[in-house]
Amino acid sequence: MKLIRDLLVLGSGILSAVYLLNLGFGVVEIIPDNVPIFGNLDEATAVALLINCLAYFGLDVGHLLRRKTDAAKPTPKTHDIDVTK
């Protein structure tokens, strides 16, 4: 079962990469790019699928898209104050 899943994920990743390479020079499009708002949804879906396929095989490129957190900020100190008295 794992081999079948691996092959399906690999095939999905290859298909999404080929779709993003635009080998059809814009002739083969699921949604034409000139359609307002929805024109780039097929490319966005292919990118999301490719990122997930790469993460499945251990190549996490999603961290490149995340914002950097403020790791240098000190955490605020809390004091144990009993306010019930």
PDB file of N, CA and C in Angstrom:
ATOM      1  N   MET A   1       0.818  -1.202   0.000  1.00  0.00           N
ATOM      2  CA  MET A   1       0.000   0.000   0.000  1.00  0.00           C
ATOM      3  C   MET A   1       0.859   1.262   0.000  1.00  0.00           C
ATOM      4  N   LYS A   2       1.981   1.203   0.745  1.00  0.00           N
ATOM      5  CA  LYS A   2       2.840   2.378   0.805  1.00  0.00           C
ATOM      6  C   LYS A   2       3.456   2.660  -0.557  1.00  0.00           C
ATOM      7  N   LEU A   3       3.785   1.611  -1.286  1.00  0.00           N
ATOM      8  CA  LEU A   3       4.354   1.792  -2.620  1.00  0.00           C
ATOM      9  C   LEU A   3       3.346   2.444  -3.559  1.00  0.00           C
ATOM     10  N   ILE A   4       2.099   2.039  -3.466  1.00  0.00           N
ATOM     11  CA  ILE A   4       1.055   2.634  -4.313  1.00  0.00           C
ATOM     12  C   ILE A   4       0.869   4.106  -3.951  1.00  0.00           C
ATOM     13  N   ARG A   5       0.858   4.402  -2.639  1.00  0.00           N
ATOM     14  CA  ARG A   5       0.715   5.790  -2.196  1.00  0.00           C
ATOM     15  C   ARG A   5       1.903   6.628  -2.656  1.00  0.00           C
ATOM     16  N   ASP A   6       3.100   6.072  -2.520  1.00  0.00           N
ATOM     17  CA  ASP A   6       4.294   6.790  -2.971  1.00  0.00           C
ATOM     18  C   ASP A   6       4.235   7.086  -4.464  1.00  0.00           C
ATOM     19  N   LEU A   7       3.792   6.115  -5.246  1.00  0.00           N
ATOM     20  CA  LEU A   7       3.695   6.313  -6.697  1.00  0.00           C
ATOM     21  C   LEU A   7       2.636   7.347  -7.055  1.00  0.00           C
ATOM     22  N   LEU A   8       1.524   7.336  -6.328  1.00  0.00           N
ATOM     23  CA  LEU A   8       0.477   8.337  -6.579  1.00  0.00           C
ATOM     24  C   LEU A   8       0.959   9.743  -6.236  1.00  0.00           C
ATOM     25  N   VAL A   9       1.658   9.874  -5.122  1.00  0.00           N
ATOM     26  CA  VAL A   9       2.174  11.186  -4.735  1.00  0.00           C
ATOM     27  C   VAL A   9       3.236  11.640  -5.729  1.00  0.00           C
ATOM     28  N   LEU A  10       4.111  10.726  -6.135  1.00  0.00           N
ATOM     29  CA  LEU A  10       5.139  11.062  -7.112  1.00  0.00           C
ATOM     30  C   LEU A  10       4.518  11.481  -8.445  1.00  0.00           C
ATOM     31  N   GLY A  11       3.513  10.743  -8.885  1.00  0.00           N
ATOM     32  CA  GLY A  11       2.827  11.102 -10.132  1.00  0.00           C
ATOM     33  C   GLY A  11       2.136  12.451 -10.045  1.00  0.00           C
ATOM     34  N   SER A  12       1.517  12.735  -8.901  1.00  0.00           N
ATOM     35  CA  SER A  12       0.866  14.034  -8.713  1.00  0.00           C
ATOM     36  C   SER A  12       1.883  15.158  -8.745  1.00  0.00           C
ATOM     37  N   GLY A  13       3.010  14.939  -8.110  1.00  0.00           N
ATOM     38  CA  GLY A  13       4.058  15.954  -8.102  1.00  0.00           C
ATOM     39  C   GLY A  13       4.611  16.207  -9.491  1.00  0.00           C
ATOM     40  N   ILE A  14       4.824  15.138 -10.251  1.00  0.00           N
ATOM     41  CA  ILE A  14       5.343  15.296 -11.614  1.00  0.00           C
ATOM     42  C   ILE A  14       4.331  16.007 -12.494  1.00  0.00           C
ATOM     43  N   LEU A  15       3.055  15.636 -12.380  1.00  0.00           N
ATOM     44  CA  LEU A  15       2.020  16.302 -13.178  1.00  0.00           C
ATOM     45  C   LEU A  15       1.910  17.785 -12.837  1.00  0.00           C
ATOM     46  N   SER A  16       1.972  18.115 -11.553  1.00  0.00           N
ATOM     47  CA  SER A  16       1.863  19.529 -11.179  1.00  0.00           C
ATOM     48  C   SER A  16       3.091  20.306 -11.631  1.00  0.00           C
ATOM     49  N   ALA A  17       4.273  19.693 -11.570  1.00  0.00           N
ATOM     50  CA  ALA A  17       5.484  20.375 -12.043  1.00  0.00           C
ATOM     51  C   ALA A  17       5.433  20.606 -13.545  1.00  0.00           C
ATOM     52  N   VAL A  18       4.974  19.606 -14.283  1.00  0.00           N
ATOM     53  CA  VAL A  18       4.859  19.754 -15.741  1.00  0.00           C
ATOM     54  C   VAL A  18       3.825  20.821 -16.083  1.00  0.00           C
ATOM     55  N   TYR A  19       2.719  20.857 -15.336  1.00  0.00           N
ATOM     56  CA  TYR A  19       1.699  21.872 -15.578  1.00  0.00           C
ATOM     57  C   TYR A  19       2.254  23.269 -15.319  1.00  0.00           C
ATOM     58  N   LEU A  20       3.067  23.398 -14.262  1.00  0.00           N
ATOM     59  CA  LEU A  20       3.641  24.713 -13.946  1.00  0.00           C
ATOM     60  C   LEU A  20       4.723  25.135 -14.929  1.00  0.00           C
ATOM     61  N   LEU A  21       5.399  24.173 -15.540  1.00  0.00           N
ATOM     62  CA  LEU A  21       6.406  24.510 -16.541  1.00  0.00           C
ATOM     63  C   LEU A  21       5.779  25.085 -17.809  1.00  0.00           C
ATOM     64  N   ASN A  22       4.474  24.884 -17.976  1.00  0.00           N
ATOM     65  CA  ASN A  22       3.713  25.458 -19.073  1.00  0.00           C
ATOM     66  C   ASN A  22       4.275  25.018 -20.434  1.00  0.00           C
ATOM     67  N   LEU A  23       4.419  23.716 -20.576  1.00  0.00           N
ATOM     68  CA  LEU A  23       4.963  23.175 -21.817  1.00  0.00           C
ATOM     69  C   LEU A  23       4.013  23.355 -23.006  1.00  0.00           C
ATOM     70  N   GLY A  24       2.744  23.607 -22.722  1.00  0.00           N
ATOM     71  CA  GLY A  24       1.778  23.827 -23.794  1.00  0.00           C
ATOM     72  C   GLY A  24       1.715  25.278 -24.232  1.00  0.00           C
ATOM     73  N   PHE A  25       2.585  26.121 -23.674  1.00  0.00           N
ATOM     74  CA  PHE A  25       2.653  27.547 -24.005  1.00  0.00           C
ATOM     75  C   PHE A  25       1.306  28.242 -23.841  1.00  0.00           C
ATOM     76  N   GLY A  26       0.567  27.866 -22.812  1.00  0.00           N
ATOM     77  CA  GLY A  26      -0.692  28.519 -22.515  1.00  0.00           C
ATOM     78  C   GLY A  26      -1.877  27.985 -23.293  1.00  0.00           C
ATOM     79  N   VAL A  27      -1.652  27.024 -24.186  1.00  0.00           N
ATOM     80  CA  VAL A  27      -2.765  26.453 -24.952  1.00  0.00           C
ATOM     81  C   VAL A  27      -3.577  25.517 -24.067  1.00  0.00           C
ATOM     82  N   VAL A  28      -2.880  24.718 -23.256  1.00  0.00           N
ATOM     83  CA  VAL A  28      -3.550  23.781 -22.365  1.00  0.00           C
ATOM     84  C   VAL A  28      -3.666  24.434 -20.993  1.00  0.00           C
ATOM     85  N   GLU A  29      -4.828  24.935 -20.690  1.00  0.00           N
ATOM     86  CA  GLU A  29      -5.102  25.588 -19.405  1.00  0.00           C
ATOM     87  C   GLU A  29      -6.412  25.036 -18.877  1.00  0.00           C
ATOM     88  N   ILE A  30      -6.450  24.744 -17.597  1.00  0.00           N
ATOM     89  CA  ILE A  30      -7.713  24.316 -16.993  1.00  0.00           C
ATOM     90  C   ILE A  30      -8.639  25.514 -16.876  1.00  0.00           C
ATOM     91  N   ILE A  31      -8.124  26.610 -16.344  1.00  0.00           N
ATOM     92  CA  ILE A  31      -8.863  27.874 -16.266  1.00  0.00           C
ATOM     93  C   ILE A  31      -8.000  28.917 -16.972  1.00  0.00           C
ATOM     94  N   PRO A  32      -8.502  29.568 -18.006  1.00  0.00           N
ATOM     95  CA  PRO A  32      -7.695  30.584 -18.699  1.00  0.00           C
ATOM     96  C   PRO A  32      -7.296  31.718 -17.749  1.00  0.00           C
ATOM     97  N   ASP A  33      -6.083  32.219 -17.918  1.00  0.00           N
ATOM     98  CA  ASP A  33      -5.567  33.243 -17.010  1.00  0.00           C
ATOM     99  C   ASP A  33      -6.282  34.586 -17.138  1.00  0.00           C
ATOM    100  N   ASN A  34      -6.974  34.825 -18.230  1.00  0.00           N
ATOM    101  CA  ASN A  34      -7.633  36.112 -18.397  1.00  0.00           C
ATOM    102  C   ASN A  34      -9.017  36.163 -17.746  1.00  0.00           C
ATOM    103  N   VAL A  35      -9.438  35.095 -17.080  1.00  0.00           N
ATOM    104  CA  VAL A  35     -10.692  35.102 -16.333  1.00  0.00           C
ATOM    105  C   VAL A  35     -10.434  35.827 -15.016  1.00  0.00           C
ATOM    106  N   PRO A  36     -11.155  36.919 -14.736  1.00  0.00           N
ATOM    107  CA  PRO A  36     -10.887  37.686 -13.518  1.00  0.00           C
ATOM    108  C   PRO A  36     -11.054  36.846 -12.252  1.00  0.00           C
ATOM    109  N   ILE A  37     -10.203  37.053 -11.307  1.00  0.00           N
ATOM    110  CA  ILE A  37     -10.158  36.446  -9.978  1.00  0.00           C
ATOM    111  C   ILE A  37      -9.832  34.944 -10.025  1.00  0.00           C
ATOM    112  N   PHE A  38     -10.483  34.183 -10.871  1.00  0.00           N
ATOM    113  CA  PHE A  38     -10.305  32.738 -10.891  1.00  0.00           C
ATOM    114  C   PHE A  38      -9.217  32.273 -11.854  1.00  0.00           C
ATOM    115  N   GLY A  39      -8.612  33.180 -12.583  1.00  0.00           N
ATOM    116  CA  GLY A  39      -7.676  32.809 -13.636  1.00  0.00           C
ATOM    117  C   GLY A  39      -6.419  32.119 -13.161  1.00  0.00           C
ATOM    118  N   ASN A  40      -5.978  32.414 -11.977  1.00  0.00           N
ATOM    119  CA  ASN A  40      -4.732  31.820 -11.494  1.00  0.00           C
ATOM    120  C   ASN A  40      -4.952  30.741 -10.442  1.00  0.00           C
ATOM    121  N   LEU A  41      -6.189  30.328 -10.242  1.00  0.00           N
ATOM    122  CA  LEU A  41      -6.464  29.300  -9.242  1.00  0.00           C
ATOM    123  C   LEU A  41      -5.859  27.957  -9.621  1.00  0.00           C
ATOM    124  N   ASP A  42      -5.815  27.637 -10.907  1.00  0.00           N
ATOM    125  CA  ASP A  42      -5.247  26.353 -11.293  1.00  0.00           C
ATOM    126  C   ASP A  42      -3.747  26.312 -11.029  1.00  0.00           C
ATOM    127  N   GLU A  43      -3.058  27.415 -11.269  1.00  0.00           N
ATOM    128  CA  GLU A  43      -1.632  27.463 -10.960  1.00  0.00           C
ATOM    129  C   GLU A  43      -1.387  27.420  -9.454  1.00  0.00           C
ATOM    130  N   ALA A  44      -2.214  28.124  -8.688  1.00  0.00           N
ATOM    131  CA  ALA A  44      -2.071  28.108  -7.233  1.00  0.00           C
ATOM    132  C   ALA A  44      -2.303  26.707  -6.680  1.00  0.00           C
ATOM    133  N   THR A  45      -3.262  26.001  -7.235  1.00  0.00           N
ATOM    134  CA  THR A  45      -3.528  24.628  -6.817  1.00  0.00           C
ATOM    135  C   THR A  45      -2.357  23.720  -7.165  1.00  0.00           C
ATOM    136  N   ALA A  46      -1.783  23.912  -8.350  1.00  0.00           N
ATOM    137  CA  ALA A  46      -0.638  23.098  -8.759  1.00  0.00           C
ATOM    138  C   ALA A  46       0.569  23.369  -7.867  1.00  0.00           C
ATOM    139  N   VAL A  47       0.772  24.620  -7.466  1.00  0.00           N
ATOM    140  CA  VAL A  47       1.882  24.953  -6.568  1.00  0.00           C
ATOM    141  C   VAL A  47       1.666  24.310  -5.202  1.00  0.00           C
ATOM    142  N   ALA A  48       0.443  24.399  -4.673  1.00  0.00           N
ATOM    143  CA  ALA A  48       0.147  23.790  -3.374  1.00  0.00           C
ATOM    144  C   ALA A  48       0.341  22.274  -3.427  1.00  0.00           C
ATOM    145  N   LEU A  49      -0.083  21.661  -4.507  1.00  0.00           N
ATOM    146  CA  LEU A  49       0.084  20.219  -4.665  1.00  0.00           C
ATOM    147  C   LEU A  49       1.560  19.843  -4.747  1.00  0.00           C
ATOM    148  N   LEU A  50       2.331  20.618  -5.477  1.00  0.00           N
ATOM    149  CA  LEU A  50       3.760  20.340  -5.612  1.00  0.00           C
ATOM    150  C   LEU A  50       4.486  20.508  -4.277  1.00  0.00           C
ATOM    151  N   ILE A  51       4.150  21.543  -3.526  1.00  0.00           N
ATOM    152  CA  ILE A  51       4.776  21.753  -2.208  1.00  0.00           C
ATOM    153  C   ILE A  51       4.438  20.600  -1.272  1.00  0.00           C
ATOM    154  N   ASN A  52       3.188  20.140  -1.300  1.00  0.00           N
ATOM    155  CA  ASN A  52       2.794  19.020  -0.449  1.00  0.00           C
ATOM    156  C   ASN A  52       3.452  17.717  -0.877  1.00  0.00           C
ATOM    157  N   CYS A  53       3.610  17.512  -2.161  1.00  0.00           N
ATOM    158  CA  CYS A  53       4.284  16.306  -2.643  1.00  0.00           C
ATOM    159  C   CYS A  53       5.753  16.309  -2.241  1.00  0.00           C
ATOM    160  N   LEU A  54       6.399  17.457  -2.340  1.00  0.00           N
ATOM    161  CA  LEU A  54       7.796  17.548  -1.920  1.00  0.00           C
ATOM    162  C   LEU A  54       7.927  17.322  -0.417  1.00  0.00           C
ATOM    163  N   ALA A  55       6.999  17.858   0.368  1.00  0.00           N
ATOM    164  CA  ALA A  55       7.034  17.663   1.820  1.00  0.00           C
ATOM    165  C   ALA A  55       6.795  16.197   2.178  1.00  0.00           C
ATOM    166  N   TYR A  56       5.984  15.506   1.395  1.00  0.00           N
ATOM    167  CA  TYR A  56       5.729  14.084   1.635  1.00  0.00           C
ATOM    168  C   TYR A  56       7.022  13.281   1.536  1.00  0.00           C
ATOM    169  N   PHE A  57       7.879  13.656   0.611  1.00  0.00           N
ATOM    170  CA  PHE A  57       9.137  12.948   0.424  1.00  0.00           C
ATOM    171  C   PHE A  57      10.283  13.547   1.242  1.00  0.00           C
ATOM    172  N   GLY A  58       9.988  14.475   2.150  1.00  0.00           N
ATOM    173  CA  GLY A  58      10.980  14.976   3.081  1.00  0.00           C
ATOM    174  C   GLY A  58      11.670  16.263   2.677  1.00  0.00           C
ATOM    175  N   LEU A  59      11.280  16.863   1.577  1.00  0.00           N
ATOM    176  CA  LEU A  59      11.886  18.123   1.148  1.00  0.00           C
ATOM    177  C   LEU A  59      10.906  19.247   1.470  1.00  0.00           C
ATOM    178  N   ASP A  60      11.078  19.852   2.641  1.00  0.00           N
ATOM    179  CA  ASP A  60      10.131  20.862   3.110  1.00  0.00           C
ATOM    180  C   ASP A  60      10.538  22.232   2.585  1.00  0.00           C
ATOM    181  N   VAL A  61       9.845  22.704   1.564  1.00  0.00           N
ATOM    182  CA  VAL A  61      10.103  24.039   1.032  1.00  0.00           C
ATOM    183  C   VAL A  61       9.082  25.038   1.557  1.00  0.00           C
ATOM    184  N   GLY A  62       8.147  24.576   2.354  1.00  0.00           N
ATOM    185  CA  GLY A  62       7.138  25.461   2.924  1.00  0.00           C
ATOM    186  C   GLY A  62       7.715  26.470   3.884  1.00  0.00           C
ATOM    187  N   HIS A  63       8.846  26.144   4.528  1.00  0.00           N
ATOM    188  CA  HIS A  63       9.446  27.095   5.462  1.00  0.00           C
ATOM    189  C   HIS A  63       9.987  28.322   4.740  1.00  0.00           C
ATOM    190  N   LEU A  64      10.228  28.223   3.451  1.00  0.00           N
ATOM    191  CA  LEU A  64      10.687  29.381   2.686  1.00  0.00           C
ATOM    192  C   LEU A  64       9.585  30.428   2.523  1.00  0.00           C
ATOM    193  N   LEU A  65       8.345  29.998   2.656  1.00  0.00           N
ATOM    194  CA  LEU A  65       7.209  30.887   2.449  1.00  0.00           C
ATOM    195  C   LEU A  65       6.688  31.487   3.746  1.00  0.00           C
ATOM    196  N   ARG A  66       7.165  30.985   4.887  1.00  0.00           N
ATOM    197  CA  ARG A  66       6.683  31.491   6.169  1.00  0.00           C
ATOM    198  C   ARG A  66       7.428  32.747   6.576  1.00  0.00           C
ATOM    199  N   ARG A  67       6.758  33.564   7.352  1.00  0.00           N
ATOM    200  CA  ARG A  67       7.400  34.762   7.889  1.00  0.00           C
ATOM    201  C   ARG A  67       8.312  34.374   9.036  1.00  0.00           C
ATOM    202  N   LYS A  68       9.343  35.165   9.212  1.00  0.00           N
ATOM    203  CA  LYS A  68      10.241  34.929  10.327  1.00  0.00           C
ATOM    204  C   LYS A  68       9.590  35.434  11.601  1.00  0.00           C
ATOM    205  N   THR A  69       9.710  34.645  12.650  1.00  0.00           N
ATOM    206  CA  THR A  69       9.150  35.061  13.932  1.00  0.00           C
ATOM    207  C   THR A  69      10.191  35.877  14.681  1.00  0.00           C
ATOM    208  N   ASP A  70       9.723  36.615  15.616  1.00  0.00           N
ATOM    209  CA  ASP A  70      10.621  37.440  16.425  1.00  0.00           C
ATOM    210  C   ASP A  70      11.221  36.572  17.530  1.00  0.00           C
ATOM    211  N   ALA A  71      12.210  35.787  17.178  1.00  0.00           N
ATOM    212  CA  ALA A  71      12.850  34.905  18.145  1.00  0.00           C
ATOM    213  C   ALA A  71      13.727  35.692  19.113  1.00  0.00           C
ATOM    214  N   ALA A  72      14.160  36.869  18.713  1.00  0.00           N
ATOM    215  CA  ALA A  72      15.030  37.668  19.567  1.00  0.00           C
ATOM    216  C   ALA A  72      14.260  38.362  20.680  1.00  0.00           C
ATOM    217  N   LYS A  73      12.952  38.456  20.542  1.00  0.00           N
ATOM    218  CA  LYS A  73      12.147  39.104  21.582  1.00  0.00           C
ATOM    219  C   LYS A  73      12.152  38.255  22.844  1.00  0.00           C
ATOM    220  N   PRO A  74      12.416  38.878  23.968  1.00  0.00           N
ATOM    221  CA  PRO A  74      12.350  38.099  25.206  1.00  0.00           C
ATOM    222  C   PRO A  74      10.897  37.821  25.571  1.00  0.00           C
ATOM    223  N   THR A  75      10.675  36.674  26.137  1.00  0.00           N
ATOM    224  CA  THR A  75       9.317  36.354  26.554  1.00  0.00           C
ATOM    225  C   THR A  75       8.983  37.149  27.802  1.00  0.00           C
ATOM    226  N   PRO A  76       7.776  37.647  27.883  1.00  0.00           N
ATOM    227  CA  PRO A  76       7.418  38.443  29.066  1.00  0.00           C
ATOM    228  C   PRO A  76       7.387  37.567  30.317  1.00  0.00           C
ATOM    229  N   LYS A  77       7.880  38.139  31.402  1.00  0.00           N
ATOM    230  CA  LYS A  77       7.912  37.397  32.656  1.00  0.00           C
ATOM    231  C   LYS A  77       6.565  37.527  33.335  1.00  0.00           C
ATOM    232  N   THR A  78       6.120  36.436  33.873  1.00  0.00           N
ATOM    233  CA  THR A  78       4.868  36.449  34.624  1.00  0.00           C
ATOM    234  C   THR A  78       5.204  36.254  36.085  1.00  0.00           C
ATOM    235  N   HIS A  79       4.391  36.863  36.914  1.00  0.00           N
ATOM    236  CA  HIS A  79       4.596  36.761  38.349  1.00  0.00           C
ATOM    237  C   HIS A  79       3.388  36.074  38.941  1.00  0.00           C
ATOM    238  N   ASP A  80       3.648  35.262  39.911  1.00  0.00           N
ATOM    239  CA  ASP A  80       2.549  34.578  40.591  1.00  0.00           C
ATOM    240  C   ASP A  80       1.982  35.516  41.643  1.00  0.00           C
ATOM    241  N   ILE A  81       0.924  36.181  41.287  1.00  0.00           N
ATOM    242  CA  ILE A  81       0.272  37.107  42.205  1.00  0.00           C
ATOM    243  C   ILE A  81      -1.109  36.542  42.515  1.00  0.00           C
ATOM    244  N   ASP A  82      -1.373  36.401  43.779  1.00  0.00           N
ATOM    245  CA  ASP A  82      -2.664  35.876  44.189  1.00  0.00           C
ATOM    246  C   ASP A  82      -3.634  37.048  44.361  1.00  0.00           C
ATOM    247  N   VAL A  83      -4.562  37.194  43.453  1.00  0.00           N
ATOM    248  CA  VAL A  83      -5.498  38.318  43.496  1.00  0.00           C
ATOM    249  C   VAL A  83      -6.807  37.943  44.168  1.00  0.00           C
ATOM    250  N   THR A  84      -6.898  36.722  44.703  1.00  0.00           N
ATOM    251  CA  THR A  84      -8.150  36.286  45.337  1.00  0.00           C
ATOM    252  C   THR A  84      -8.254  36.749  46.771  1.00  0.00           C
ATOM    253  N   LYS A  85      -7.210  37.278  47.395  1.00  0.00           N
ATOM    254  CA  LYS A  85      -7.256  37.704  48.810  1.00  0.00           C
ATOM    255  C   LYS A  85      -7.892  39.046  48.970  1.00  0.00           C
TER     256      LYS A  85
END
